[in-house]
N, C-alpha and C. Protein backbone atom coordinates (compact mmCIF):
# COMPACT_ATOMS: atom_id res chain seq x y z
N MET A 1 93.20 52.75 123.57
CA MET A 1 94.04 53.01 124.72
C MET A 1 93.32 52.51 125.96
N ARG A 2 94.04 51.88 126.86
CA ARG A 2 93.48 51.41 128.12
C ARG A 2 93.90 52.36 129.22
N VAL A 3 93.10 52.45 130.27
CA VAL A 3 93.43 53.34 131.37
C VAL A 3 94.77 52.96 131.97
N GLY A 4 95.09 51.69 132.05
CA GLY A 4 96.36 51.23 132.60
C GLY A 4 97.57 51.68 131.80
N GLU A 5 97.37 52.09 130.55
CA GLU A 5 98.47 52.53 129.70
C GLU A 5 98.77 54.02 129.86
N VAL A 6 97.95 54.71 130.62
CA VAL A 6 98.13 56.15 130.79
C VAL A 6 99.20 56.38 131.85
N GLY A 7 100.20 57.15 131.48
CA GLY A 7 101.29 57.44 132.40
C GLY A 7 100.94 58.60 133.32
N PRO A 8 101.73 58.76 134.38
CA PRO A 8 101.49 59.87 135.30
C PRO A 8 101.60 61.21 134.57
N GLY A 9 100.67 62.11 134.87
CA GLY A 9 100.68 63.42 134.25
C GLY A 9 100.17 63.44 132.83
N ASP A 10 99.71 62.31 132.32
CA ASP A 10 99.23 62.22 130.94
C ASP A 10 97.72 62.47 130.92
N SER A 11 97.31 63.72 131.14
CA SER A 11 95.88 64.02 131.22
C SER A 11 95.18 63.84 129.88
N ALA A 12 95.87 64.10 128.78
CA ALA A 12 95.25 63.91 127.46
C ALA A 12 94.97 62.43 127.23
N GLY A 13 95.90 61.58 127.62
CA GLY A 13 95.70 60.14 127.48
C GLY A 13 94.57 59.64 128.37
N LEU A 14 94.49 60.17 129.58
CA LEU A 14 93.42 59.78 130.50
C LEU A 14 92.08 60.22 129.95
N THR A 15 92.00 61.42 129.43
CA THR A 15 90.75 61.92 128.84
C THR A 15 90.33 61.03 127.68
N ALA A 16 91.26 60.70 126.80
CA ALA A 16 90.94 59.82 125.66
C ALA A 16 90.46 58.46 126.14
N ALA A 17 91.10 57.93 127.17
CA ALA A 17 90.71 56.62 127.69
C ALA A 17 89.33 56.66 128.31
N LEU A 18 89.02 57.73 129.03
CA LEU A 18 87.71 57.83 129.66
C LEU A 18 86.61 58.07 128.65
N LEU A 19 86.91 58.72 127.55
CA LEU A 19 85.89 58.98 126.53
C LEU A 19 85.66 57.78 125.61
N GLN A 20 86.55 56.82 125.61
CA GLN A 20 86.43 55.67 124.71
C GLN A 20 85.08 54.96 124.84
N PRO A 21 84.59 54.62 126.04
CA PRO A 21 83.30 53.93 126.11
C PRO A 21 82.16 54.75 125.53
N VAL A 22 82.21 56.08 125.64
CA VAL A 22 81.16 56.91 125.09
C VAL A 22 81.11 56.78 123.58
N SER A 23 82.26 56.83 122.93
CA SER A 23 82.27 56.70 121.48
C SER A 23 81.91 55.29 121.05
N TYR A 24 82.09 54.31 121.91
CA TYR A 24 81.73 52.94 121.60
C TYR A 24 80.21 52.76 121.63
N TRP A 25 79.53 53.43 122.54
CA TRP A 25 78.08 53.25 122.71
C TRP A 25 77.26 54.04 121.71
N PHE A 26 77.70 55.24 121.36
CA PHE A 26 76.87 56.11 120.57
C PHE A 26 77.48 56.39 119.21
N PRO A 27 76.61 56.63 118.21
CA PRO A 27 77.14 56.95 116.88
C PRO A 27 77.83 58.30 116.89
N GLY A 28 78.78 58.46 116.00
CA GLY A 28 79.50 59.73 115.90
C GLY A 28 78.67 60.76 115.15
N PRO A 29 79.13 62.01 115.17
CA PRO A 29 78.42 63.06 114.45
C PRO A 29 78.31 62.72 112.97
N GLY A 30 77.14 62.91 112.42
CA GLY A 30 76.94 62.66 111.00
C GLY A 30 76.77 61.19 110.67
N SER A 31 76.85 60.31 111.66
CA SER A 31 76.69 58.88 111.42
C SER A 31 75.21 58.54 111.40
N SER A 32 74.80 57.71 110.47
CA SER A 32 73.41 57.29 110.42
C SER A 32 73.21 55.98 111.16
N GLU A 33 74.29 55.38 111.65
CA GLU A 33 74.19 54.10 112.33
C GLU A 33 74.99 54.12 113.61
N GLY A 34 74.65 53.23 114.49
CA GLY A 34 75.42 53.03 115.70
C GLY A 34 76.62 52.16 115.39
N ARG A 35 77.24 51.64 116.42
CA ARG A 35 78.46 50.87 116.25
C ARG A 35 78.24 49.50 115.64
N LEU A 36 76.98 49.06 115.50
CA LEU A 36 76.74 47.67 115.15
C LEU A 36 76.44 47.41 113.68
N GLY A 37 76.32 48.44 112.85
CA GLY A 37 76.25 48.16 111.44
C GLY A 37 74.94 48.44 110.76
N PRO A 38 74.68 47.76 109.64
CA PRO A 38 73.61 48.13 108.73
C PRO A 38 72.22 47.73 109.21
N VAL A 39 71.32 47.59 108.26
CA VAL A 39 69.90 47.41 108.54
C VAL A 39 69.62 46.25 109.49
N LEU A 40 70.30 45.16 109.37
CA LEU A 40 70.07 44.02 110.23
C LEU A 40 71.36 43.69 110.94
N ARG A 41 71.31 43.66 112.25
CA ARG A 41 72.51 43.39 113.04
C ARG A 41 72.19 42.23 113.97
N ALA A 42 73.07 41.27 114.08
CA ALA A 42 72.79 40.13 114.94
C ALA A 42 74.01 39.73 115.72
N SER A 43 73.75 39.18 116.88
CA SER A 43 74.81 38.61 117.68
C SER A 43 74.38 37.21 118.04
N PHE A 44 75.02 36.23 117.48
CA PHE A 44 74.67 34.86 117.79
C PHE A 44 75.80 34.23 118.57
N LEU A 45 75.52 33.98 119.82
CA LEU A 45 76.50 33.33 120.67
C LEU A 45 76.33 31.83 120.48
N ALA A 46 76.91 31.03 121.30
CA ALA A 46 76.98 29.58 121.08
C ALA A 46 75.66 28.84 121.30
N GLY A 47 74.54 29.49 121.58
CA GLY A 47 73.29 28.80 121.80
C GLY A 47 72.94 28.66 123.27
N ARG A 48 73.90 28.87 124.12
CA ARG A 48 73.67 28.85 125.57
C ARG A 48 74.26 30.12 126.15
N ASN A 49 73.61 30.62 127.19
CA ASN A 49 74.14 31.82 127.81
C ASN A 49 75.21 31.45 128.82
N ARG A 50 75.77 32.45 129.47
CA ARG A 50 76.90 32.20 130.37
C ARG A 50 76.50 31.42 131.61
N ARG A 51 75.20 31.31 131.89
CA ARG A 51 74.75 30.52 133.04
C ARG A 51 74.42 29.08 132.63
N GLY A 52 74.64 28.75 131.36
CA GLY A 52 74.41 27.40 130.88
C GLY A 52 72.97 27.13 130.46
N ARG A 53 72.09 28.12 130.55
CA ARG A 53 70.71 27.95 130.12
C ARG A 53 70.61 28.07 128.60
N GLU A 54 69.59 27.44 128.05
CA GLU A 54 69.31 27.62 126.62
C GLU A 54 69.05 29.11 126.39
N GLN A 55 69.66 29.66 125.36
CA GLN A 55 69.51 31.10 125.10
C GLN A 55 68.14 31.43 124.55
N ILE A 56 67.62 32.52 125.04
CA ILE A 56 66.38 33.07 124.51
C ILE A 56 66.75 34.03 123.38
N HIS A 57 66.04 33.89 122.27
CA HIS A 57 66.31 34.71 121.08
C HIS A 57 65.34 35.89 121.08
N VAL A 58 65.87 37.09 121.14
CA VAL A 58 65.09 38.33 121.15
C VAL A 58 65.28 39.03 119.81
N LEU A 59 64.16 39.38 119.18
CA LEU A 59 64.20 40.22 117.98
C LEU A 59 63.79 41.62 118.40
N LEU A 60 64.68 42.58 118.23
CA LEU A 60 64.42 43.97 118.55
C LEU A 60 64.24 44.73 117.24
N ILE A 61 63.05 45.25 117.02
CA ILE A 61 62.77 46.03 115.82
C ILE A 61 62.77 47.49 116.25
N GLU A 62 63.88 48.17 115.98
CA GLU A 62 64.12 49.53 116.47
C GLU A 62 65.03 50.25 115.49
N ASP A 63 64.60 51.43 115.02
CA ASP A 63 65.39 52.14 114.02
C ASP A 63 66.39 53.13 114.62
N ASP A 64 66.26 53.48 115.87
CA ASP A 64 67.20 54.43 116.48
C ASP A 64 68.45 53.68 116.93
N PRO A 65 69.60 53.95 116.31
CA PRO A 65 70.81 53.17 116.62
C PRO A 65 71.25 53.26 118.07
N ALA A 66 71.12 54.42 118.69
CA ALA A 66 71.56 54.55 120.09
C ALA A 66 70.68 53.70 121.01
N ILE A 67 69.38 53.73 120.79
CA ILE A 67 68.46 52.92 121.62
C ILE A 67 68.68 51.44 121.35
N ALA A 68 68.80 51.09 120.07
CA ALA A 68 69.03 49.68 119.73
C ALA A 68 70.31 49.17 120.38
N ASP A 69 71.37 49.97 120.34
CA ASP A 69 72.64 49.57 120.94
C ASP A 69 72.51 49.39 122.46
N MET A 70 71.84 50.33 123.11
CA MET A 70 71.67 50.22 124.57
C MET A 70 70.96 48.93 124.95
N TYR A 71 69.86 48.64 124.24
CA TYR A 71 69.11 47.42 124.55
C TYR A 71 69.90 46.18 124.17
N GLN A 72 70.56 46.19 123.03
CA GLN A 72 71.33 45.03 122.61
C GLN A 72 72.45 44.72 123.61
N VAL A 73 73.18 45.74 124.04
CA VAL A 73 74.27 45.53 124.99
C VAL A 73 73.73 44.93 126.29
N GLN A 74 72.63 45.49 126.82
CA GLN A 74 72.07 44.99 128.08
C GLN A 74 71.56 43.56 127.93
N LEU A 75 70.82 43.31 126.87
CA LEU A 75 70.25 41.97 126.67
C LEU A 75 71.33 40.92 126.48
N GLU A 76 72.35 41.24 125.70
CA GLU A 76 73.44 40.28 125.51
C GLU A 76 74.19 40.06 126.82
N TYR A 77 74.40 41.11 127.58
CA TYR A 77 75.06 40.99 128.88
C TYR A 77 74.27 40.04 129.78
N ASP A 78 72.95 40.10 129.68
CA ASP A 78 72.09 39.24 130.49
C ASP A 78 71.90 37.85 129.89
N GLY A 79 72.59 37.55 128.80
CA GLY A 79 72.60 36.20 128.26
C GLY A 79 71.64 35.91 127.14
N TYR A 80 70.98 36.92 126.61
CA TYR A 80 70.06 36.71 125.49
C TYR A 80 70.80 36.80 124.17
N ARG A 81 70.27 36.10 123.18
CA ARG A 81 70.76 36.22 121.82
C ARG A 81 69.89 37.28 121.16
N VAL A 82 70.48 38.30 120.57
CA VAL A 82 69.73 39.46 120.10
C VAL A 82 69.96 39.68 118.62
N MET A 83 68.86 39.92 117.92
CA MET A 83 68.91 40.34 116.52
C MET A 83 68.21 41.69 116.46
N VAL A 84 68.83 42.66 115.84
CA VAL A 84 68.26 43.99 115.70
C VAL A 84 67.92 44.23 114.25
N ALA A 85 66.68 44.63 114.00
CA ALA A 85 66.24 45.01 112.66
C ALA A 85 65.85 46.48 112.72
N THR A 86 66.32 47.27 111.77
CA THR A 86 66.09 48.71 111.83
C THR A 86 64.95 49.20 110.94
N THR A 87 64.25 48.29 110.29
CA THR A 87 63.03 48.65 109.55
C THR A 87 61.96 47.61 109.86
N GLY A 88 60.72 47.99 109.62
CA GLY A 88 59.62 47.06 109.85
C GLY A 88 59.66 45.85 108.94
N GLU A 89 59.94 46.07 107.66
CA GLU A 89 59.97 44.96 106.70
C GLU A 89 61.08 43.96 107.04
N VAL A 90 62.25 44.47 107.36
CA VAL A 90 63.35 43.58 107.72
C VAL A 90 63.01 42.84 109.01
N GLY A 91 62.40 43.54 109.96
CA GLY A 91 62.00 42.90 111.20
C GLY A 91 60.99 41.79 110.98
N TYR A 92 59.99 42.05 110.15
CA TYR A 92 58.97 41.04 109.87
C TYR A 92 59.58 39.83 109.16
N ALA A 93 60.43 40.09 108.17
CA ALA A 93 61.10 38.99 107.47
C ALA A 93 62.01 38.21 108.42
N SER A 94 62.68 38.91 109.31
CA SER A 94 63.55 38.25 110.29
C SER A 94 62.76 37.38 111.23
N MET A 95 61.58 37.85 111.59
CA MET A 95 60.73 37.06 112.48
C MET A 95 60.31 35.76 111.80
N LEU A 96 59.99 35.84 110.53
CA LEU A 96 59.60 34.63 109.79
C LEU A 96 60.77 33.66 109.65
N GLY A 97 61.96 34.20 109.42
CA GLY A 97 63.11 33.34 109.16
C GLY A 97 63.83 32.83 110.38
N SER A 98 63.77 33.56 111.49
CA SER A 98 64.62 33.17 112.62
C SER A 98 63.86 32.65 113.83
N ARG A 99 62.56 32.75 113.83
CA ARG A 99 61.74 32.24 114.93
C ARG A 99 62.20 32.72 116.30
N PRO A 100 62.12 34.02 116.57
CA PRO A 100 62.53 34.52 117.89
C PRO A 100 61.57 34.04 118.98
N ASP A 101 62.04 34.07 120.21
CA ASP A 101 61.20 33.71 121.35
C ASP A 101 60.32 34.88 121.78
N ILE A 102 60.76 36.10 121.48
CA ILE A 102 60.01 37.31 121.82
C ILE A 102 60.44 38.42 120.88
N VAL A 103 59.51 39.35 120.62
CA VAL A 103 59.78 40.49 119.75
C VAL A 103 59.56 41.77 120.56
N LEU A 104 60.53 42.66 120.53
CA LEU A 104 60.40 44.01 121.09
C LEU A 104 60.23 44.94 119.91
N LEU A 105 59.10 45.63 119.83
CA LEU A 105 58.71 46.36 118.62
C LEU A 105 58.52 47.85 118.88
N ASP A 106 59.25 48.66 118.15
CA ASP A 106 59.04 50.11 118.15
C ASP A 106 57.86 50.41 117.24
N LEU A 107 57.19 51.53 117.45
CA LEU A 107 56.04 51.86 116.60
C LEU A 107 56.40 52.79 115.44
N LEU A 108 57.31 53.71 115.66
CA LEU A 108 57.66 54.67 114.62
C LEU A 108 58.91 54.17 113.90
N LEU A 109 58.70 53.53 112.76
CA LEU A 109 59.78 52.96 111.97
C LEU A 109 59.82 53.68 110.62
N PRO A 110 60.95 53.63 109.93
CA PRO A 110 61.07 54.42 108.69
C PRO A 110 60.18 53.96 107.55
N ASP A 111 59.81 52.70 107.51
CA ASP A 111 59.06 52.20 106.36
C ASP A 111 57.60 51.89 106.67
N ARG A 112 57.31 51.45 107.87
CA ARG A 112 55.94 51.06 108.23
C ARG A 112 55.72 51.34 109.70
N SER A 113 54.49 51.47 110.06
CA SER A 113 54.14 51.64 111.47
C SER A 113 54.27 50.28 112.17
N GLY A 114 54.74 50.32 113.40
CA GLY A 114 54.80 49.10 114.19
C GLY A 114 53.41 48.49 114.38
N LEU A 115 52.37 49.34 114.42
CA LEU A 115 51.00 48.81 114.54
C LEU A 115 50.60 48.02 113.29
N GLU A 116 51.03 48.47 112.12
CA GLU A 116 50.78 47.71 110.89
C GLU A 116 51.47 46.36 110.94
N ILE A 117 52.69 46.36 111.42
CA ILE A 117 53.44 45.11 111.53
C ILE A 117 52.75 44.17 112.52
N LEU A 118 52.30 44.73 113.63
CA LEU A 118 51.61 43.93 114.63
C LEU A 118 50.31 43.34 114.06
N ALA A 119 49.57 44.12 113.27
CA ALA A 119 48.35 43.62 112.63
C ALA A 119 48.68 42.48 111.67
N ASP A 120 49.76 42.62 110.90
CA ASP A 120 50.18 41.54 109.99
C ASP A 120 50.56 40.28 110.76
N ILE A 121 51.26 40.46 111.85
CA ILE A 121 51.66 39.32 112.68
C ILE A 121 50.42 38.59 113.18
N LYS A 122 49.48 39.34 113.71
CA LYS A 122 48.26 38.75 114.27
C LYS A 122 47.47 38.01 113.19
N GLU A 123 47.38 38.62 112.00
CA GLU A 123 46.59 38.04 110.91
C GLU A 123 47.26 36.83 110.26
N GLN A 124 48.57 36.90 110.05
CA GLN A 124 49.24 35.89 109.24
C GLN A 124 49.97 34.82 110.05
N LEU A 125 50.22 35.08 111.33
CA LEU A 125 50.99 34.13 112.14
C LEU A 125 50.25 33.82 113.44
N PRO A 126 49.34 32.87 113.39
CA PRO A 126 48.53 32.60 114.59
C PRO A 126 49.35 32.15 115.80
N ASN A 127 50.47 31.49 115.59
CA ASN A 127 51.31 31.01 116.70
C ASN A 127 52.57 31.86 116.82
N HIS A 128 52.41 33.16 116.72
CA HIS A 128 53.55 34.07 116.75
C HIS A 128 54.13 34.19 118.15
N PRO A 129 55.39 34.60 118.24
CA PRO A 129 56.00 34.83 119.56
C PRO A 129 55.35 36.03 120.22
N PRO A 130 55.48 36.16 121.52
CA PRO A 130 54.93 37.35 122.18
C PRO A 130 55.61 38.61 121.65
N VAL A 131 54.79 39.66 121.54
CA VAL A 131 55.27 40.95 121.06
C VAL A 131 55.07 41.97 122.18
N VAL A 132 56.13 42.68 122.51
CA VAL A 132 56.08 43.76 123.49
C VAL A 132 56.40 45.04 122.75
N ILE A 133 55.49 46.00 122.82
CA ILE A 133 55.72 47.30 122.17
C ILE A 133 56.60 48.14 123.09
N LEU A 134 57.60 48.73 122.49
CA LEU A 134 58.54 49.61 123.19
C LEU A 134 58.55 50.91 122.40
N SER A 135 57.80 51.91 122.86
CA SER A 135 57.56 53.10 122.06
C SER A 135 57.75 54.39 122.85
N ASN A 136 57.91 55.49 122.13
CA ASN A 136 57.95 56.81 122.74
C ASN A 136 56.55 57.35 122.99
N TYR A 137 55.55 56.75 122.36
CA TYR A 137 54.17 57.22 122.48
C TYR A 137 53.49 56.61 123.69
N GLY A 138 52.97 57.46 124.57
CA GLY A 138 52.30 56.97 125.77
C GLY A 138 50.84 57.34 125.84
N GLU A 139 50.24 57.75 124.72
CA GLU A 139 48.83 58.11 124.72
C GLU A 139 47.97 56.88 124.95
N PRO A 140 46.95 56.98 125.80
CA PRO A 140 46.10 55.82 126.10
C PRO A 140 45.48 55.17 124.87
N ALA A 141 45.05 55.97 123.90
CA ALA A 141 44.44 55.40 122.69
C ALA A 141 45.45 54.55 121.92
N MET A 142 46.69 55.01 121.84
CA MET A 142 47.74 54.26 121.15
C MET A 142 48.03 52.96 121.91
N MET A 143 48.09 53.06 123.22
CA MET A 143 48.37 51.87 124.04
C MET A 143 47.24 50.85 123.89
N ASP A 144 45.99 51.32 123.93
CA ASP A 144 44.84 50.42 123.75
C ASP A 144 44.87 49.74 122.39
N ARG A 145 45.23 50.49 121.37
CA ARG A 145 45.31 49.93 120.01
C ARG A 145 46.37 48.83 119.94
N GLY A 146 47.53 49.08 120.53
CA GLY A 146 48.59 48.07 120.53
C GLY A 146 48.18 46.79 121.24
N ILE A 147 47.55 46.93 122.39
CA ILE A 147 47.10 45.75 123.14
C ILE A 147 45.99 45.03 122.38
N SER A 148 45.07 45.78 121.76
CA SER A 148 43.98 45.14 121.01
C SER A 148 44.49 44.38 119.79
N LEU A 149 45.64 44.79 119.28
CA LEU A 149 46.23 44.08 118.13
C LEU A 149 47.05 42.87 118.57
N GLY A 150 47.16 42.65 119.86
CA GLY A 150 47.81 41.43 120.33
C GLY A 150 49.13 41.62 121.06
N ALA A 151 49.54 42.86 121.28
CA ALA A 151 50.78 43.04 122.05
C ALA A 151 50.56 42.55 123.48
N LEU A 152 51.53 41.88 124.00
CA LEU A 152 51.45 41.37 125.37
C LEU A 152 51.59 42.50 126.37
N GLU A 153 52.39 43.48 126.01
CA GLU A 153 52.68 44.61 126.90
C GLU A 153 52.98 45.83 126.03
N TYR A 154 52.69 47.01 126.57
CA TYR A 154 53.00 48.26 125.88
C TYR A 154 53.83 49.09 126.85
N LEU A 155 55.08 49.33 126.50
CA LEU A 155 55.99 50.07 127.36
C LEU A 155 56.38 51.39 126.71
N VAL A 156 56.45 52.43 127.52
CA VAL A 156 56.90 53.73 127.06
C VAL A 156 58.38 53.83 127.40
N LYS A 157 59.20 54.10 126.40
CA LYS A 157 60.66 54.07 126.56
C LYS A 157 61.16 54.94 127.71
N SER A 158 60.55 56.10 127.91
CA SER A 158 61.03 56.99 128.96
C SER A 158 60.68 56.49 130.37
N ARG A 159 59.86 55.46 130.45
CA ARG A 159 59.44 54.94 131.76
C ARG A 159 60.09 53.60 132.11
N VAL A 160 60.92 53.08 131.23
CA VAL A 160 61.58 51.80 131.47
C VAL A 160 63.07 51.93 131.17
N THR A 161 63.83 50.95 131.61
CA THR A 161 65.26 50.90 131.30
C THR A 161 65.54 49.59 130.57
N PRO A 162 66.65 49.53 129.86
CA PRO A 162 67.02 48.25 129.24
C PRO A 162 67.10 47.12 130.27
N ALA A 163 67.58 47.41 131.47
CA ALA A 163 67.69 46.38 132.51
C ALA A 163 66.32 45.89 132.94
N SER A 164 65.35 46.80 133.11
CA SER A 164 64.02 46.36 133.54
C SER A 164 63.33 45.55 132.45
N VAL A 165 63.54 45.93 131.20
CA VAL A 165 62.97 45.15 130.09
C VAL A 165 63.62 43.76 130.07
N SER A 166 64.92 43.72 130.19
CA SER A 166 65.64 42.45 130.19
C SER A 166 65.14 41.52 131.29
N GLN A 167 64.92 42.06 132.47
CA GLN A 167 64.47 41.25 133.60
C GLN A 167 63.05 40.72 133.40
N SER A 168 62.27 41.34 132.55
CA SER A 168 60.88 40.94 132.34
C SER A 168 60.70 39.91 131.23
N ILE A 169 61.70 39.71 130.41
CA ILE A 169 61.54 38.89 129.20
C ILE A 169 61.10 37.46 129.52
N ARG A 170 61.74 36.79 130.44
CA ARG A 170 61.35 35.40 130.75
C ARG A 170 59.90 35.34 131.23
N GLY A 171 59.48 36.29 132.02
CA GLY A 171 58.09 36.33 132.49
C GLY A 171 57.10 36.53 131.35
N TRP A 172 57.44 37.40 130.41
CA TRP A 172 56.55 37.61 129.27
C TRP A 172 56.44 36.36 128.42
N ILE A 173 57.55 35.67 128.22
CA ILE A 173 57.51 34.44 127.42
C ILE A 173 56.64 33.39 128.14
N GLU A 174 56.80 33.28 129.44
CA GLU A 174 55.99 32.33 130.22
C GLU A 174 54.51 32.73 130.19
N GLN A 175 54.23 34.00 130.31
CA GLN A 175 52.84 34.49 130.26
C GLN A 175 52.21 34.15 128.91
N ALA A 176 52.92 34.35 127.83
CA ALA A 176 52.42 34.04 126.50
C ALA A 176 52.21 32.53 126.34
N ARG A 177 53.13 31.74 126.90
CA ARG A 177 52.99 30.28 126.82
C ARG A 177 51.73 29.83 127.55
N ARG A 178 51.48 30.38 128.73
CA ARG A 178 50.29 30.01 129.50
C ARG A 178 49.01 30.41 128.76
N ARG A 179 49.02 31.57 128.12
CA ARG A 179 47.84 32.03 127.37
C ARG A 179 47.52 31.11 126.21
N SER A 180 48.55 30.54 125.60
CA SER A 180 48.33 29.71 124.41
C SER A 180 47.97 28.25 124.74
N GLU A 181 48.13 27.86 126.00
CA GLU A 181 47.79 26.49 126.38
C GLU A 181 46.28 26.32 126.42
N PRO A 182 45.80 25.14 125.97
CA PRO A 182 44.36 24.88 126.04
C PRO A 182 43.93 24.80 127.52
N GLN A 183 42.76 25.32 127.79
CA GLN A 183 42.25 25.32 129.18
C GLN A 183 41.63 24.01 129.56
């Protein structure tokens, strides 16, 4: 139902129309997934964003459907091509197969720790894309461990927004490119 379809005095219709975006963003009661589907969810647009720039491919490894949906919606709105993997193994395999430009990595995943995945990336993929940790854990020891394993940045979810992360992506990719250039 669209708001424009609600007639005068139709408060039930207006309530349903206003609640529609909420049910679109978040999973329903008893749902194990958000609106976007199973273990691996992807949105592949035409290869260019709406501003005509070459699209940046973001791999988001995040098991919480509500968080994954929030980030995916913001990133796609900002013109990025986004692939969401809800387990560490699927995320790692996706990284090997799809060559993302940047990886946003949660640490607490159902099958493996994000730190284990980061260690595998560092060990097995010397020319890997930049990895930014996006976690609920803000302990200094955890943050130091993530950076020592090669994360470009360690962000605590409660201190950032999807919009601020989205705005930083091009800078992180450029920073990683500069680091990899011979001096």
